[in-house]
Amino acid sequence: MKKSRSFLMTIAGTMITAFAIGAFLTPNKIVGGGASGISTIFFHTLGIQPGISFFIINIIFLLLGLTVLGKSFIFKTLLGISLLSAFTEVFTLFPIYTENLILATIFGGVLYGLGIGMSFAAGASTGGTDIIGRIIQSKFSFVPIGKMLLFVDGIIIIASFIIFRDIELTLYGILALFISTTSIDFIISKLNISRLAFVITDHGEEISKKLVTTSPRGVTLIDVKGVYTNTEKQMLFCALKESESETFQKKILEIDETAFIVFSESQRIKGNGFYLYK
């Protein structure tokens, strides 16, 4: 089930990314770095289809890093670049949605970041400068991979200025890179958000048994004392997915209508039942 969900998420992510490239970025010569940026340059200078050049570029990158990249990474990357290349070819056949560079930059950047973020969350890789960054980092491990990728993308954007001789296109490319990077960070952070529940009740044992037997979440039961009322109570502590909060609350109130429930947002939870996206 988990593998099927990851595969479907990879397909959706690469499809959205390909749509951003084929419908907004490449037709308008917007180069925001990465292998897709190189493909855009090749398309407008040599006439090579973006999907084909994207695939060839990534295969070359993989061959260069064959000795430093793990088998698992290579397999996932091959899957990602194959899907992305195929979808990009399909979307280049569609009509151009807009020739307005601002709209193309914004929508292209947002959709590109959304798609890449979904692919990363599914454990897939779409290759590109990610491969180059890993190869360079294997030689210079002290350099953060984020800064390494930014440096490589910067070189590609500068190359687009040298080739197209258009400062506005270069500035739009920088803006697209910023938007897509922000979108990726947003998607990853949203996927990591969970809820922490604190419940003060007189029926801790009964509620704990119900929660444990009817949900996949564990519960921690702690004896506490209410300072204001000077009475002994029990506190339940539980980590939840955001979508589970309403059901969790309903189960508690069915047993104790006077329970005091506090929900807190957690940016990331690592442990049994939770996956940390990064």
Protein backbone atom coordinates (compact mmCIF):
# COMPACT_ATOMS: atom_id res chain seq x y z
CA MET A 1 0.00 0.00 0.00
CA LYS A 2 2.77 2.43 0.98
CA LYS A 3 4.77 1.59 -2.18
CA SER A 4 1.70 2.08 -4.36
CA ARG A 5 1.01 5.46 -2.76
CA SER A 6 4.64 6.54 -3.28
CA PHE A 7 4.55 5.44 -6.93
CA LEU A 8 1.29 7.32 -7.58
CA MET A 9 2.73 10.38 -5.84
CA THR A 10 5.85 10.13 -8.03
CA ILE A 11 3.70 9.98 -11.17
CA ALA A 12 1.63 12.99 -10.05
CA GLY A 13 4.75 14.95 -9.05
CA THR A 14 6.62 14.34 -12.31
CA MET A 15 3.47 15.11 -14.31
CA ILE A 16 3.02 18.49 -12.60
CA THR A 17 6.72 19.28 -13.04
CA ALA A 18 6.58 18.35 -16.72
CA PHE A 19 3.51 20.53 -17.19
CA ALA A 20 5.38 23.49 -15.68
CA ILE A 21 8.33 22.91 -18.01
CA GLY A 22 6.40 22.15 -21.19
CA ALA A 23 3.56 24.66 -20.82
CA PHE A 24 5.19 27.67 -19.14
CA LEU A 25 8.98 27.68 -18.77
CA THR A 26 10.47 26.21 -21.96
CA PRO A 27 8.13 27.94 -24.48
CA ASN A 28 9.00 31.32 -22.93
CA LYS A 29 12.80 30.73 -22.69
CA ILE A 30 12.70 30.95 -18.89
CA VAL A 31 15.78 29.20 -17.49
CA GLY A 32 15.60 28.67 -13.73
CA GLY A 33 18.56 26.32 -13.46
CA GLY A 34 18.66 22.54 -13.36
CA ALA A 35 18.70 20.05 -16.21
CA SER A 36 15.35 21.46 -17.35
CA GLY A 37 17.08 24.84 -17.80
CA ILE A 38 19.80 23.25 -19.93
CA SER A 39 17.07 21.50 -21.97
CA THR A 40 15.36 24.86 -22.53
CA ILE A 41 18.63 26.32 -23.86
CA PHE A 42 19.13 23.33 -26.18
CA PHE A 43 15.54 23.58 -27.43
CA HIS A 44 15.85 27.22 -28.46
CA THR A 45 19.38 26.95 -29.88
CA LEU A 46 19.64 23.44 -31.35
CA GLY A 47 15.97 22.52 -31.73
CA ILE A 48 16.28 19.39 -29.55
CA GLN A 49 13.03 18.41 -27.84
CA PRO A 50 13.15 19.17 -24.06
CA GLY A 51 12.12 15.69 -22.96
CA ILE A 52 14.82 14.02 -25.07
CA SER A 53 17.65 16.36 -24.05
CA PHE A 54 16.54 16.18 -20.38
CA PHE A 55 16.80 12.39 -20.43
CA ILE A 56 20.21 12.37 -22.19
CA ILE A 57 21.65 15.03 -19.83
CA ASN A 58 20.58 13.06 -16.77
CA ILE A 59 21.96 9.78 -18.11
CA ILE A 60 25.32 11.52 -18.61
CA PHE A 61 25.15 12.90 -15.05
CA LEU A 62 24.37 9.41 -13.70
CA LEU A 63 27.27 7.86 -15.59
CA LEU A 64 29.60 10.52 -14.18
CA GLY A 65 28.45 9.72 -10.67
CA LEU A 66 28.18 5.96 -11.04
CA THR A 67 30.93 5.27 -8.50
CA VAL A 68 29.67 7.68 -5.81
CA LEU A 69 25.89 7.30 -6.11
CA GLY A 70 24.19 4.36 -4.43
CA LYS A 71 22.17 1.77 -6.36
CA SER A 72 18.95 2.84 -4.65
CA PHE A 73 19.45 6.49 -5.64
CA ILE A 74 20.29 5.53 -9.24
CA PHE A 75 17.17 3.34 -9.56
CA LYS A 76 14.86 6.01 -8.11
CA THR A 77 16.47 8.67 -10.30
CA LEU A 78 16.08 6.56 -13.45
CA LEU A 79 12.39 6.17 -12.65
CA GLY A 80 11.98 9.89 -12.00
CA ILE A 81 13.82 11.11 -15.10
CA SER A 82 12.07 8.57 -17.34
CA LEU A 83 8.62 9.70 -16.19
CA LEU A 84 9.54 13.39 -16.31
CA SER A 85 11.07 13.10 -19.78
CA ALA A 86 8.01 11.27 -21.14
CA PHE A 87 5.52 13.71 -19.61
CA THR A 88 7.56 16.71 -20.79
CA GLU A 89 7.42 15.41 -24.36
CA VAL A 90 3.64 15.08 -24.08
CA PHE A 91 3.10 18.59 -22.69
CA THR A 92 5.32 20.24 -25.33
CA LEU A 93 2.66 19.15 -27.84
CA PHE A 94 0.07 21.28 -26.04
CA PRO A 95 -0.55 24.89 -27.11
CA ILE A 96 1.31 27.65 -25.25
CA TYR A 97 -0.95 28.82 -22.41
CA THR A 98 0.53 32.29 -22.09
CA GLU A 99 3.29 34.41 -23.58
CA ASN A 100 3.15 36.80 -20.63
CA LEU A 101 6.55 36.30 -18.99
CA ILE A 102 5.37 37.28 -15.52
CA LEU A 103 2.49 34.77 -15.58
CA ALA A 104 4.73 32.08 -17.09
CA THR A 105 7.37 32.66 -14.40
CA ILE A 106 4.92 32.58 -11.50
CA PHE A 107 2.83 29.61 -12.62
CA GLY A 108 5.84 27.74 -13.98
CA GLY A 109 7.83 28.29 -10.77
CA VAL A 110 4.97 27.33 -8.43
CA LEU A 111 3.99 24.20 -10.39
CA TYR A 112 7.62 23.15 -10.85
CA GLY A 113 8.25 23.44 -7.11
CA LEU A 114 5.00 21.66 -6.27
CA GLY A 115 5.84 18.73 -8.56
CA ILE A 116 9.44 18.41 -7.38
CA GLY A 117 8.31 18.62 -3.75
CA MET A 118 5.80 15.80 -4.28
CA SER A 119 8.45 13.67 -6.00
CA PHE A 120 10.92 14.25 -3.14
CA ALA A 121 8.21 13.38 -0.60
CA ALA A 122 7.57 10.10 -2.44
CA GLY A 123 11.28 9.25 -2.17
CA ALA A 124 11.95 9.78 -5.88
CA SER A 125 14.50 12.02 -7.57
CA THR A 126 14.15 13.82 -10.88
CA GLY A 127 17.91 14.07 -11.29
CA GLY A 128 19.38 17.22 -12.77
CA THR A 129 21.66 19.32 -10.62
CA ASP A 130 20.75 17.12 -7.65
CA ILE A 131 23.08 14.50 -9.16
CA ILE A 132 25.85 17.03 -9.80
CA GLY A 133 25.48 18.35 -6.26
CA ARG A 134 25.88 14.86 -4.79
CA ILE A 135 28.90 14.14 -6.99
CA ILE A 136 30.65 17.39 -5.98
CA GLN A 137 29.71 16.90 -2.33
CA SER A 138 31.38 13.47 -2.36
CA LYS A 139 34.66 15.31 -3.03
CA PHE A 140 33.91 18.39 -0.88
CA SER A 141 31.71 17.04 1.94
CA PHE A 142 32.14 20.20 4.02
CA VAL A 143 30.00 22.23 1.57
CA PRO A 144 26.20 22.06 2.22
CA ILE A 145 24.36 20.48 -0.72
CA GLY A 146 21.83 23.36 -0.76
CA LYS A 147 24.55 25.91 -1.44
CA MET A 148 26.11 23.56 -3.98
CA LEU A 149 22.85 23.29 -5.92
CA LEU A 150 22.37 27.06 -5.81
CA PHE A 151 25.88 27.52 -7.23
CA VAL A 152 25.27 25.05 -10.09
CA ASP A 153 21.87 26.58 -10.89
CA GLY A 154 23.50 30.03 -10.90
CA ILE A 155 26.00 28.91 -13.54
CA ILE A 156 23.17 27.61 -15.75
CA ILE A 157 21.24 30.90 -15.42
CA ILE A 158 24.38 32.90 -16.30
CA ALA A 159 24.85 30.63 -19.33
CA SER A 160 21.30 31.46 -20.45
CA PHE A 161 22.15 35.18 -20.35
CA ILE A 162 25.30 34.62 -22.44
CA ILE A 163 23.34 32.62 -25.01
CA PHE A 164 20.02 34.55 -25.20
CA ARG A 165 21.55 38.00 -24.54
CA ASP A 166 18.39 39.09 -22.73
CA ILE A 167 18.73 40.48 -19.20
CA GLU A 168 14.96 40.34 -18.61
CA LEU A 169 14.82 36.62 -19.38
CA THR A 170 17.72 36.10 -16.96
CA LEU A 171 15.90 38.02 -14.22
CA TYR A 172 12.75 35.99 -14.85
CA GLY A 173 14.86 32.84 -14.58
CA ILE A 174 16.20 33.95 -11.19
CA LEU A 175 12.64 34.72 -10.06
CA ALA A 176 11.44 31.30 -11.27
CA LEU A 177 14.26 29.61 -9.31
CA PHE A 178 13.32 31.53 -6.16
CA ILE A 179 9.60 30.70 -6.54
CA SER A 180 10.20 27.00 -7.24
CA THR A 181 12.63 26.65 -4.31
CA THR A 182 10.14 28.35 -1.98
CA SER A 183 7.36 26.05 -3.26
CA ILE A 184 9.47 22.94 -2.60
CA ASP A 185 10.23 24.09 0.96
CA PHE A 186 6.53 24.85 1.53
CA ILE A 187 5.37 21.42 0.33
CA ILE A 188 7.95 19.55 2.45
CA SER A 189 7.15 21.61 5.57
CA LYS A 190 3.38 21.08 5.12
CA LEU A 191 3.84 17.33 4.77
CA ASN A 192 5.80 17.28 8.04
CA ILE A 193 3.20 19.20 10.06
CA SER A 194 1.42 17.05 12.65
CA ARG A 195 -0.64 17.60 15.78
CA LEU A 196 0.24 17.05 19.44
CA ALA A 197 -2.76 16.40 21.69
CA PHE A 198 -2.82 16.96 25.45
CA VAL A 199 -5.92 15.72 27.28
CA ILE A 200 -6.69 16.33 30.96
CA THR A 201 -9.33 13.89 32.23
CA ASP A 202 -10.57 11.73 35.09
CA HIS A 203 -11.00 8.75 32.74
CA GLY A 204 -7.46 8.30 31.45
CA GLU A 205 -7.36 4.50 31.52
CA GLU A 206 -10.70 4.09 29.73
CA ILE A 207 -9.89 6.68 27.06
CA SER A 208 -6.40 5.25 26.51
CA LYS A 209 -7.78 1.76 25.86
CA LYS A 210 -10.30 3.10 23.36
CA LEU A 211 -7.73 5.16 21.48
CA VAL A 212 -5.16 2.35 21.33
CA THR A 213 -7.69 -0.25 20.11
CA THR A 214 -9.38 1.97 17.50
CA SER A 215 -6.48 3.92 15.99
CA PRO A 216 -2.86 3.34 14.86
CA ARG A 217 -1.58 5.92 17.37
CA GLY A 218 0.03 5.25 20.72
CA VAL A 219 -0.89 7.14 23.90
CA THR A 220 1.21 8.19 26.88
CA LEU A 221 -0.67 8.37 30.22
CA ILE A 222 0.71 10.65 32.94
CA ASP A 223 -0.60 11.31 36.45
CA VAL A 224 -0.93 15.06 37.04
CA LYS A 225 -2.37 17.46 39.60
CA GLY A 226 -4.52 20.49 38.86
CA VAL A 227 -3.06 23.37 40.84
CA TYR A 228 -6.19 25.55 40.61
CA THR A 229 -8.60 22.77 41.73
CA ASN A 230 -6.01 20.87 43.80
CA THR A 231 -7.30 17.57 42.41
CA GLU A 232 -5.53 14.53 40.99
CA LYS A 233 -6.03 14.10 37.23
CA GLN A 234 -4.59 12.13 34.34
CA MET A 235 -3.05 13.57 31.21
CA LEU A 236 -2.95 11.81 27.85
CA PHE A 237 -0.28 12.76 25.36
CA CYS A 238 -0.60 11.68 21.72
CA ALA A 239 1.01 12.58 18.37
CA LEU A 240 -1.43 12.65 15.46
CA LYS A 241 -1.67 13.32 11.78
CA GLU A 242 -3.45 16.60 11.10
CA SER A 243 -6.41 14.80 9.52
CA GLU A 244 -6.95 12.62 12.61
CA SER A 245 -7.65 15.46 15.08
CA GLU A 246 -11.46 15.58 14.73
CA THR A 247 -11.91 11.81 15.11
CA PHE A 248 -9.51 11.80 18.07
CA GLN A 249 -11.52 14.51 19.84
CA LYS A 250 -14.84 12.80 19.16
CA LYS A 251 -13.67 9.52 20.73
CA ILE A 252 -12.54 11.32 23.89
CA LEU A 253 -15.76 13.33 24.32
CA GLU A 254 -17.83 10.15 23.94
CA ILE A 255 -16.30 8.96 27.23
CA ASP A 256 -15.64 12.26 29.04
CA GLU A 257 -17.61 15.33 27.95
CA THR A 258 -15.70 17.49 30.45
CA ALA A 259 -12.23 16.52 29.18
CA PHE A 260 -9.84 19.44 28.65
CA ILE A 261 -8.24 19.01 25.19
CA VAL A 262 -5.36 21.05 23.79
CA PHE A 263 -4.04 20.63 20.24
CA SER A 264 -0.60 21.95 19.35
CA GLU A 265 1.09 22.06 15.94
CA SER A 266 4.36 20.17 15.47
CA GLN A 267 6.71 21.04 12.60
CA ARG A 268 8.20 17.57 12.48
CA ILE A 269 7.83 14.23 14.25
CA LYS A 270 10.28 11.37 13.82
CA GLY A 271 9.35 7.94 15.15
CA ASN A 272 7.04 4.96 14.84
CA GLY A 273 4.07 5.73 12.59
CA PHE A 274 5.54 8.99 11.29
CA TYR A 275 7.74 9.66 8.26
CA LEU A 276 10.00 12.70 8.13
CA TYR A 277 9.99 14.25 4.64
CA LYS A 278 13.16 16.10 3.67
